[in-house]
Amino acid sequence: MAEKKSERVKIYLIFALSIVLIVVVYFRFFHKKKTHAAVPARYKAQVARLVVPQVQLPKAPRARNPEGAVPEPKLAKVRDIFKPLKAPPPKKDIQKTKQKPSKATLSLKLKGTILGGNKPIAVINDRFVHTGDWIADYQVVSIAKDEVALSSNAHQMVLKVLKIAEKQ
Protein backbone atom coordinates (compact mmCIF):
# COMPACT_ATOMS: atom_id res chain seq x y z
CA MET A 1 0.00 0.00 0.00
CA ALA A 2 2.84 2.38 0.87
CA GLU A 3 4.54 1.56 -2.43
CA LYS A 4 1.41 2.55 -4.39
CA LYS A 5 1.26 5.90 -2.56
CA SER A 6 4.91 6.66 -3.25
CA GLU A 7 4.44 5.70 -6.93
CA ARG A 8 1.34 7.92 -7.11
CA VAL A 9 3.25 10.87 -5.54
CA LYS A 10 6.05 10.41 -8.06
CA ILE A 11 3.57 10.47 -10.94
CA TYR A 12 1.88 13.65 -9.63
CA LEU A 13 5.27 15.30 -9.17
CA ILE A 14 6.39 14.42 -12.71
CA PHE A 15 3.06 15.66 -14.09
CA ALA A 16 3.35 19.02 -12.22
CA LEU A 17 6.96 19.52 -13.32
CA SER A 18 6.05 18.80 -16.94
CA ILE A 19 3.28 21.44 -16.81
CA VAL A 20 5.74 23.98 -15.39
CA LEU A 21 8.23 23.09 -18.15
CA ILE A 22 5.58 23.55 -20.86
CA VAL A 23 4.59 26.99 -19.48
CA VAL A 24 8.22 28.12 -19.31
CA VAL A 25 8.93 26.98 -22.88
CA TYR A 26 5.79 28.71 -24.16
CA PHE A 27 6.63 32.08 -22.58
CA ARG A 28 10.31 31.80 -23.48
CA PHE A 29 10.00 30.89 -27.17
CA PHE A 30 6.44 31.33 -28.47
CA HIS A 31 4.73 34.13 -26.59
CA LYS A 32 5.14 37.53 -28.27
CA LYS A 33 5.35 40.56 -26.05
CA LYS A 34 3.14 43.47 -26.97
CA THR A 35 4.98 46.60 -27.97
CA HIS A 36 3.77 50.16 -27.54
CA ALA A 37 2.74 50.29 -31.19
CA ALA A 38 0.34 47.40 -30.64
CA VAL A 39 -1.47 49.23 -27.81
CA PRO A 40 -4.75 50.69 -29.02
CA ALA A 41 -5.01 54.48 -29.24
CA ARG A 42 -7.71 54.65 -26.61
CA TYR A 43 -5.18 53.47 -23.98
CA LYS A 44 -2.45 55.93 -24.95
CA ALA A 45 -1.95 58.89 -22.64
CA GLN A 46 -2.77 62.26 -24.08
CA VAL A 47 -0.36 65.12 -23.59
CA ALA A 48 -1.81 68.34 -22.27
CA ARG A 49 -0.09 71.58 -23.20
CA LEU A 50 -0.40 74.58 -20.98
CA VAL A 51 0.50 78.05 -22.13
CA VAL A 52 1.93 80.15 -19.29
CA PRO A 53 2.52 83.82 -20.03
CA GLN A 54 5.94 85.25 -19.17
CA VAL A 55 5.84 87.81 -16.38
CA GLN A 56 8.61 90.37 -15.91
CA LEU A 57 9.30 91.35 -12.32
CA PRO A 58 10.57 94.85 -11.63
CA LYS A 59 14.17 94.96 -10.50
CA ALA A 60 14.80 96.20 -6.97
CA PRO A 61 17.30 99.03 -6.65
CA ARG A 62 20.69 97.93 -5.38
CA ALA A 63 21.95 99.26 -2.10
CA ARG A 64 25.24 101.07 -2.57
CA ASN A 65 27.78 102.36 -0.18
CA PRO A 66 28.45 106.14 -0.19
CA GLU A 67 31.45 105.80 -2.49
CA GLY A 68 29.45 103.89 -5.09
CA ALA A 69 31.79 100.87 -5.23
CA VAL A 70 30.87 97.42 -4.08
CA PRO A 71 33.31 96.17 -1.43
CA GLU A 72 35.19 92.97 -2.21
CA PRO A 73 34.37 89.99 -0.03
CA LYS A 74 36.98 89.10 2.56
CA LEU A 75 38.62 85.74 1.97
CA ALA A 76 39.25 83.40 4.84
CA LYS A 77 42.83 82.43 5.56
CA VAL A 78 43.45 78.94 4.23
CA ARG A 79 45.92 76.66 5.99
CA ASP A 80 47.50 73.60 4.41
CA ILE A 81 46.18 70.71 6.47
CA PHE A 82 49.19 68.54 5.65
CA LYS A 83 51.75 70.90 7.21
CA PRO A 84 52.12 70.58 10.97
CA LEU A 85 51.30 73.57 13.12
CA LYS A 86 54.27 75.63 14.21
CA ALA A 87 54.84 75.28 17.93
CA PRO A 88 56.28 78.22 19.86
CA PRO A 89 59.97 77.79 20.68
CA PRO A 90 60.64 76.40 24.17
CA LYS A 91 61.51 78.89 26.87
CA LYS A 92 65.21 78.78 27.64
CA ASP A 93 65.15 80.70 30.90
CA ILE A 94 63.71 77.78 32.88
CA GLN A 95 66.39 76.24 35.06
CA LYS A 96 66.39 72.54 35.70
CA THR A 97 66.32 71.70 39.36
CA LYS A 98 66.58 68.36 41.05
CA GLN A 99 63.14 67.18 41.95
CA LYS A 100 62.28 65.12 44.94
CA PRO A 101 60.14 62.07 44.31
CA SER A 102 56.52 63.07 44.16
CA LYS A 103 53.89 61.73 46.50
CA ALA A 104 52.54 59.56 43.66
CA THR A 105 55.84 57.67 43.52
CA LEU A 106 55.59 56.82 47.19
CA SER A 107 52.40 54.87 46.57
CA LEU A 108 53.97 52.22 44.33
CA LYS A 109 52.63 48.75 45.10
CA LEU A 110 54.08 45.55 43.74
CA LYS A 111 51.27 43.16 42.79
CA GLY A 112 53.45 40.30 41.57
CA THR A 113 56.37 39.14 39.43
CA ILE A 114 56.72 36.75 36.48
CA LEU A 115 60.12 35.13 36.07
CA GLY A 116 59.39 32.30 33.59
CA GLY A 117 60.18 33.97 30.23
CA ASN A 118 63.23 35.56 28.64
CA LYS A 119 62.57 38.88 30.38
CA PRO A 120 61.23 39.01 33.91
CA ILE A 121 58.06 41.07 34.33
CA ALA A 122 56.79 42.92 37.40
CA VAL A 123 53.26 44.20 37.96
CA ILE A 124 53.47 47.57 39.73
CA ASN A 125 50.25 49.56 40.22
CA ASP A 126 48.47 47.36 37.63
CA ARG A 127 51.16 48.14 35.03
CA PHE A 128 53.55 45.58 33.51
CA VAL A 129 57.20 46.68 33.59
CA HIS A 130 60.49 45.05 32.55
CA THR A 131 64.03 45.62 33.75
CA GLY A 132 65.16 49.07 32.54
CA ASP A 133 61.62 50.54 32.29
CA TRP A 134 60.65 53.73 34.12
CA ILE A 135 57.70 54.07 36.44
CA ALA A 136 57.01 57.34 38.31
CA ASP A 137 60.57 58.78 38.39
CA TYR A 138 62.09 55.38 39.20
CA GLN A 139 63.89 52.94 36.93
CA VAL A 140 63.45 49.21 37.40
CA VAL A 141 66.90 47.82 38.27
CA SER A 142 66.14 44.17 38.98
CA ILE A 143 63.19 41.84 39.30
CA ALA A 144 63.38 38.87 41.66
CA LYS A 145 60.84 36.52 43.19
CA ASP A 146 58.44 38.63 45.34
CA GLU A 147 60.55 41.85 45.11
CA VAL A 148 61.65 44.56 42.68
CA ALA A 149 64.58 46.98 43.08
CA LEU A 150 63.98 50.55 41.85
CA SER A 151 66.37 53.50 41.70
CA SER A 152 66.16 57.19 40.86
CA ASN A 153 68.83 59.91 40.89
CA ALA A 154 69.24 60.00 44.67
CA HIS A 155 66.92 57.32 45.99
CA GLN A 156 66.77 53.57 45.87
CA MET A 157 63.87 51.43 47.02
CA VAL A 158 62.87 47.80 47.11
CA LEU A 159 59.22 46.87 46.62
CA LYS A 160 58.01 43.61 48.08
CA VAL A 161 54.83 41.69 47.28
CA LEU A 162 52.26 42.06 50.03
CA LYS A 163 51.01 38.77 51.41
CA ILE A 164 47.26 38.20 51.76
CA ALA A 165 47.44 38.64 55.55
CA GLU A 166 49.31 41.96 55.13
CA LYS A 167 46.74 43.37 52.70
CA GLN A 168 43.95 43.20 55.28
C-alpha atoms as a PDB file:
ATOM      1  CA  MET A   1       0.000   0.000   0.000  1.00  0.00           C
ATOM      2  CA  ALA A   2       2.841   2.379   0.868  1.00  0.00           C
ATOM      3  CA  GLU A   3       4.535   1.561  -2.431  1.00  0.00           C
ATOM      4  CA  LYS A   4       1.414   2.548  -4.393  1.00  0.00           C
ATOM      5  CA  LYS A   5       1.260   5.898  -2.558  1.00  0.00           C
ATOM      6  CA  SER A   6       4.914   6.658  -3.246  1.00  0.00           C
ATOM      7  CA  GLU A   7       4.439   5.699  -6.926  1.00  0.00           C
ATOM      8  CA  ARG A   8       1.339   7.920  -7.114  1.00  0.00           C
ATOM      9  CA  VAL A   9       3.254  10.866  -5.536  1.00  0.00           C
ATOM     10  CA  LYS A  10       6.048  10.414  -8.064  1.00  0.00           C
ATOM     11  CA  ILE A  11       3.568  10.472 -10.943  1.00  0.00           C
ATOM     12  CA  TYR A  12       1.882  13.647  -9.630  1.00  0.00           C
ATOM     13  CA  LEU A  13       5.265  15.300  -9.169  1.00  0.00           C
ATOM     14  CA  ILE A  14       6.393  14.420 -12.709  1.00  0.00           C
ATOM     15  CA  PHE A  15       3.058  15.664 -14.094  1.00  0.00           C
ATOM     16  CA  ALA A  16       3.354  19.016 -12.219  1.00  0.00           C
ATOM     17  CA  LEU A  17       6.958  19.518 -13.320  1.00  0.00           C
ATOM     18  CA  SER A  18       6.049  18.797 -16.944  1.00  0.00           C
ATOM     19  CA  ILE A  19       3.278  21.439 -16.812  1.00  0.00           C
ATOM     20  CA  VAL A  20       5.739  23.978 -15.391  1.00  0.00           C
ATOM     21  CA  LEU A  21       8.226  23.088 -18.152  1.00  0.00           C
ATOM     22  CA  ILE A  22       5.581  23.555 -20.865  1.00  0.00           C
ATOM     23  CA  VAL A  23       4.590  26.991 -19.483  1.00  0.00           C
ATOM     24  CA  VAL A  24       8.220  28.121 -19.312  1.00  0.00           C
ATOM     25  CA  VAL A  25       8.925  26.979 -22.884  1.00  0.00           C
ATOM     26  CA  TYR A  26       5.793  28.706 -24.157  1.00  0.00           C
ATOM     27  CA  PHE A  27       6.630  32.075 -22.577  1.00  0.00           C
ATOM     28  CA  ARG A  28      10.314  31.798 -23.477  1.00  0.00           C
ATOM     29  CA  PHE A  29      10.000  30.886 -27.171  1.00  0.00           C
ATOM     30  CA  PHE A  30       6.443  31.325 -28.466  1.00  0.00           C
ATOM     31  CA  HIS A  31       4.734  34.128 -26.586  1.00  0.00           C
ATOM     32  CA  LYS A  32       5.140  37.526 -28.268  1.00  0.00           C
ATOM     33  CA  LYS A  33       5.349  40.565 -26.049  1.00  0.00           C
ATOM     34  CA  LYS A  34       3.140  43.467 -26.974  1.00  0.00           C
ATOM     35  CA  THR A  35       4.982  46.604 -27.965  1.00  0.00           C
ATOM     36  CA  HIS A  36       3.772  50.160 -27.544  1.00  0.00           C
ATOM     37  CA  ALA A  37       2.735  50.294 -31.194  1.00  0.00           C
ATOM     38  CA  ALA A  38       0.335  47.401 -30.643  1.00  0.00           C
ATOM     39  CA  VAL A  39      -1.472  49.229 -27.805  1.00  0.00           C
ATOM     40  CA  PRO A  40      -4.751  50.693 -29.020  1.00  0.00           C
ATOM     41  CA  ALA A  41      -5.012  54.477 -29.239  1.00  0.00           C
ATOM     42  CA  ARG A  42      -7.713  54.646 -26.608  1.00  0.00           C
ATOM     43  CA  TYR A  43      -5.184  53.468 -23.980  1.00  0.00           C
ATOM     44  CA  LYS A  44      -2.453  55.933 -24.952  1.00  0.00           C
ATOM     45  CA  ALA A  45      -1.953  58.894 -22.636  1.00  0.00           C
ATOM     46  CA  GLN A  46      -2.768  62.262 -24.085  1.00  0.00           C
ATOM     47  CA  VAL A  47      -0.358  65.115 -23.594  1.00  0.00           C
ATOM     48  CA  ALA A  48      -1.811  68.340 -22.269  1.00  0.00           C
ATOM     49  CA  ARG A  49      -0.089  71.576 -23.197  1.00  0.00           C
ATOM     50  CA  LEU A  50      -0.397  74.576 -20.980  1.00  0.00           C
ATOM     51  CA  VAL A  51       0.496  78.046 -22.129  1.00  0.00           C
ATOM     52  CA  VAL A  52       1.930  80.149 -19.292  1.00  0.00           C
ATOM     53  CA  PRO A  53       2.515  83.821 -20.034  1.00  0.00           C
ATOM     54  CA  GLN A  54       5.941  85.249 -19.171  1.00  0.00           C
ATOM     55  CA  VAL A  55       5.842  87.806 -16.377  1.00  0.00           C
ATOM     56  CA  GLN A  56       8.611  90.368 -15.907  1.00  0.00           C
ATOM     57  CA  LEU A  57       9.296  91.349 -12.322  1.00  0.00           C
ATOM     58  CA  PRO A  58      10.567  94.851 -11.626  1.00  0.00           C
ATOM     59  CA  LYS A  59      14.170  94.964 -10.497  1.00  0.00           C
ATOM     60  CA  ALA A  60      14.804  96.199  -6.974  1.00  0.00           C
ATOM     61  CA  PRO A  61      17.300  99.033  -6.653  1.00  0.00           C
ATOM     62  CA  ARG A  62      20.695  97.927  -5.378  1.00  0.00           C
ATOM     63  CA  ALA A  63      21.951  99.258  -2.095  1.00  0.00           C
ATOM     64  CA  ARG A  64      25.239 101.071  -2.575  1.00  0.00           C
ATOM     65  CA  ASN A  65      27.776 102.359  -0.184  1.00  0.00           C
ATOM     66  CA  PRO A  66      28.450 106.136  -0.189  1.00  0.00           C
ATOM     67  CA  GLU A  67      31.455 105.799  -2.487  1.00  0.00           C
ATOM     68  CA  GLY A  68      29.453 103.892  -5.094  1.00  0.00           C
ATOM     69  CA  ALA A  69      31.789 100.875  -5.231  1.00  0.00           C
ATOM     70  CA  VAL A  70      30.866  97.425  -4.083  1.00  0.00           C
ATOM     71  CA  PRO A  71      33.311  96.168  -1.433  1.00  0.00           C
ATOM     72  CA  GLU A  72      35.195  92.972  -2.211  1.00  0.00           C
ATOM     73  CA  PRO A  73      34.371  89.987  -0.033  1.00  0.00           C
ATOM     74  CA  LYS A  74      36.982  89.098   2.559  1.00  0.00           C
ATOM     75  CA  LEU A  75      38.622  85.741   1.970  1.00  0.00           C
ATOM     76  CA  ALA A  76      39.254  83.397   4.845  1.00  0.00           C
ATOM     77  CA  LYS A  77      42.834  82.432   5.562  1.00  0.00           C
ATOM     78  CA  VAL A  78      43.451  78.936   4.232  1.00  0.00           C
ATOM     79  CA  ARG A  79      45.921  76.662   5.987  1.00  0.00           C
ATOM     80  CA  ASP A  80      47.499  73.598   4.414  1.00  0.00           C
ATOM     81  CA  ILE A  81      46.179  70.713   6.472  1.00  0.00           C
ATOM     82  CA  PHE A  82      49.188  68.538   5.649  1.00  0.00           C
ATOM     83  CA  LYS A  83      51.748  70.896   7.207  1.00  0.00           C
ATOM     84  CA  PRO A  84      52.118  70.584  10.969  1.00  0.00           C
ATOM     85  CA  LEU A  85      51.303  73.571  13.124  1.00  0.00           C
ATOM     86  CA  LYS A  86      54.266  75.625  14.214  1.00  0.00           C
ATOM     87  CA  ALA A  87      54.839  75.281  17.931  1.00  0.00           C
ATOM     88  CA  PRO A  88      56.281  78.218  19.857  1.00  0.00           C
ATOM     89  CA  PRO A  89      59.971  77.794  20.684  1.00  0.00           C
ATOM     90  CA  PRO A  90      60.638  76.401  24.169  1.00  0.00           C
ATOM     91  CA  LYS A  91      61.509  78.885  26.874  1.00  0.00           C
ATOM     92  CA  LYS A  92      65.214  78.779  27.641  1.00  0.00           C
ATOM     93  CA  ASP A  93      65.153  80.701  30.898  1.00  0.00           C
ATOM     94  CA  ILE A  94      63.712  77.783  32.878  1.00  0.00           C
ATOM     95  CA  GLN A  95      66.393  76.238  35.061  1.00  0.00           C
ATOM     96  CA  LYS A  96      66.393  72.541  35.698  1.00  0.00           C
ATOM     97  CA  THR A  97      66.318  71.702  39.364  1.00  0.00           C
ATOM     98  CA  LYS A  98      66.577  68.355  41.049  1.00  0.00           C
ATOM     99  CA  GLN A  99      63.137  67.184  41.950  1.00  0.00           C
ATOM    100  CA  LYS A 100      62.282  65.121  44.944  1.00  0.00           C
ATOM    101  CA  PRO A 101      60.144  62.068  44.305  1.00  0.00           C
ATOM    102  CA  SER A 102      56.524  63.071  44.161  1.00  0.00           C
ATOM    103  CA  LYS A 103      53.885  61.728  46.497  1.00  0.00           C
ATOM    104  CA  ALA A 104      52.538  59.559  43.665  1.00  0.00           C
ATOM    105  CA  THR A 105      55.837  57.671  43.524  1.00  0.00           C
ATOM    106  CA  LEU A 106      55.592  56.821  47.191  1.00  0.00           C
ATOM    107  CA  SER A 107      52.404  54.866  46.573  1.00  0.00           C
ATOM    108  CA  LEU A 108      53.970  52.216  44.334  1.00  0.00           C
ATOM    109  CA  LYS A 109      52.632  48.752  45.102  1.00  0.00           C
ATOM    110  CA  LEU A 110      54.083  45.547  43.742  1.00  0.00           C
ATOM    111  CA  LYS A 111      51.269  43.159  42.791  1.00  0.00           C
ATOM    112  CA  GLY A 112      53.455  40.305  41.568  1.00  0.00           C
ATOM    113  CA  THR A 113      56.367  39.141  39.427  1.00  0.00           C
ATOM    114  CA  ILE A 114      56.721  36.746  36.481  1.00  0.00           C
ATOM    115  CA  LEU A 115      60.119  35.131  36.067  1.00  0.00           C
ATOM    116  CA  GLY A 116      59.391  32.303  33.591  1.00  0.00           C
ATOM    117  CA  GLY A 117      60.177  33.966  30.225  1.00  0.00           C
ATOM    118  CA  ASN A 118      63.233  35.555  28.639  1.00  0.00           C
ATOM    119  CA  LYS A 119      62.574  38.877  30.377  1.00  0.00           C
ATOM    120  CA  PRO A 120      61.226  39.009  33.912  1.00  0.00           C
ATOM    121  CA  ILE A 121      58.061  41.068  34.334  1.00  0.00           C
ATOM    122  CA  ALA A 122      56.789  42.923  37.397  1.00  0.00           C
ATOM    123  CA  VAL A 123      53.256  44.198  37.960  1.00  0.00           C
ATOM    124  CA  ILE A 124      53.475  47.566  39.735  1.00  0.00           C
ATOM    125  CA  ASN A 125      50.250  49.559  40.222  1.00  0.00           C
ATOM    126  CA  ASP A 126      48.472  47.359  37.629  1.00  0.00           C
ATOM    127  CA  ARG A 127      51.162  48.136  35.027  1.00  0.00           C
ATOM    128  CA  PHE A 128      53.546  45.580  33.505  1.00  0.00           C
ATOM    129  CA  VAL A 129      57.200  46.679  33.593  1.00  0.00           C
ATOM    130  CA  HIS A 130      60.486  45.046  32.554  1.00  0.00           C
ATOM    131  CA  THR A 131      64.027  45.623  33.751  1.00  0.00           C
ATOM    132  CA  GLY A 132      65.157  49.066  32.536  1.00  0.00           C
ATOM    133  CA  ASP A 133      61.619  50.542  32.286  1.00  0.00           C
ATOM    134  CA  TRP A 134      60.649  53.730  34.125  1.00  0.00           C
ATOM    135  CA  ILE A 135      57.698  54.067  36.444  1.00  0.00           C
ATOM    136  CA  ALA A 136      57.008  57.335  38.308  1.00  0.00           C
ATOM    137  CA  ASP A 137      60.574  58.781  38.393  1.00  0.00           C
ATOM    138  CA  TYR A 138      62.092  55.375  39.197  1.00  0.00           C
ATOM    139  CA  GLN A 139      63.891  52.939  36.930  1.00  0.00           C
ATOM    140  CA  VAL A 140      63.446  49.206  37.403  1.00  0.00           C
ATOM    141  CA  VAL A 141      66.896  47.821  38.274  1.00  0.00           C
ATOM    142  CA  SER A 142      66.143  44.171  38.976  1.00  0.00           C
ATOM    143  CA  ILE A 143      63.188  41.842  39.304  1.00  0.00           C
ATOM    144  CA  ALA A 144      63.378  38.866  41.656  1.00  0.00           C
ATOM    145  CA  LYS A 145      60.842  36.519  43.193  1.00  0.00           C
ATOM    146  CA  ASP A 146      58.438  38.630  45.340  1.00  0.00           C
ATOM    147  CA  GLU A 147      60.546  41.848  45.107  1.00  0.00           C
ATOM    148  CA  VAL A 148      61.650  44.561  42.680  1.00  0.00           C
ATOM    149  CA  ALA A 149      64.580  46.985  43.076  1.00  0.00           C
ATOM    150  CA  LEU A 150      63.981  50.554  41.855  1.00  0.00           C
ATOM    151  CA  SER A 151      66.371  53.499  41.697  1.00  0.00           C
ATOM    152  CA  SER A 152      66.158  57.190  40.861  1.00  0.00           C
ATOM    153  CA  ASN A 153      68.827  59.908  40.894  1.00  0.00           C
ATOM    154  CA  ALA A 154      69.241  60.005  44.674  1.00  0.00           C
ATOM    155  CA  HIS A 155      66.915  57.322  45.991  1.00  0.00           C
ATOM    156  CA  GLN A 156      66.767  53.569  45.868  1.00  0.00           C
ATOM    157  CA  MET A 157      63.873  51.433  47.020  1.00  0.00           C
ATOM    158  CA  VAL A 158      62.865  47.795  47.107  1.00  0.00           C
ATOM    159  CA  LEU A 159      59.222  46.874  46.623  1.00  0.00           C
ATOM    160  CA  LYS A 160      58.007  43.610  48.084  1.00  0.00           C
ATOM    161  CA  VAL A 161      54.825  41.694  47.282  1.00  0.00           C
ATOM    162  CA  LEU A 162      52.256  42.058  50.032  1.00  0.00           C
ATOM    163  CA  LYS A 163      51.009  38.771  51.410  1.00  0.00           C
ATOM    164  CA  ILE A 164      47.262  38.198  51.765  1.00  0.00           C
ATOM    165  CA  ALA A 165      47.436  38.635  55.545  1.00  0.00           C
ATOM    166  CA  GLU A 166      49.307  41.963  55.129  1.00  0.00           C
ATOM    167  CA  LYS A 167      46.743  43.374  52.704  1.00  0.00           C
ATOM    168  CA  GLN A 168      43.950  43.204  55.283  1.00  0.00           C
END
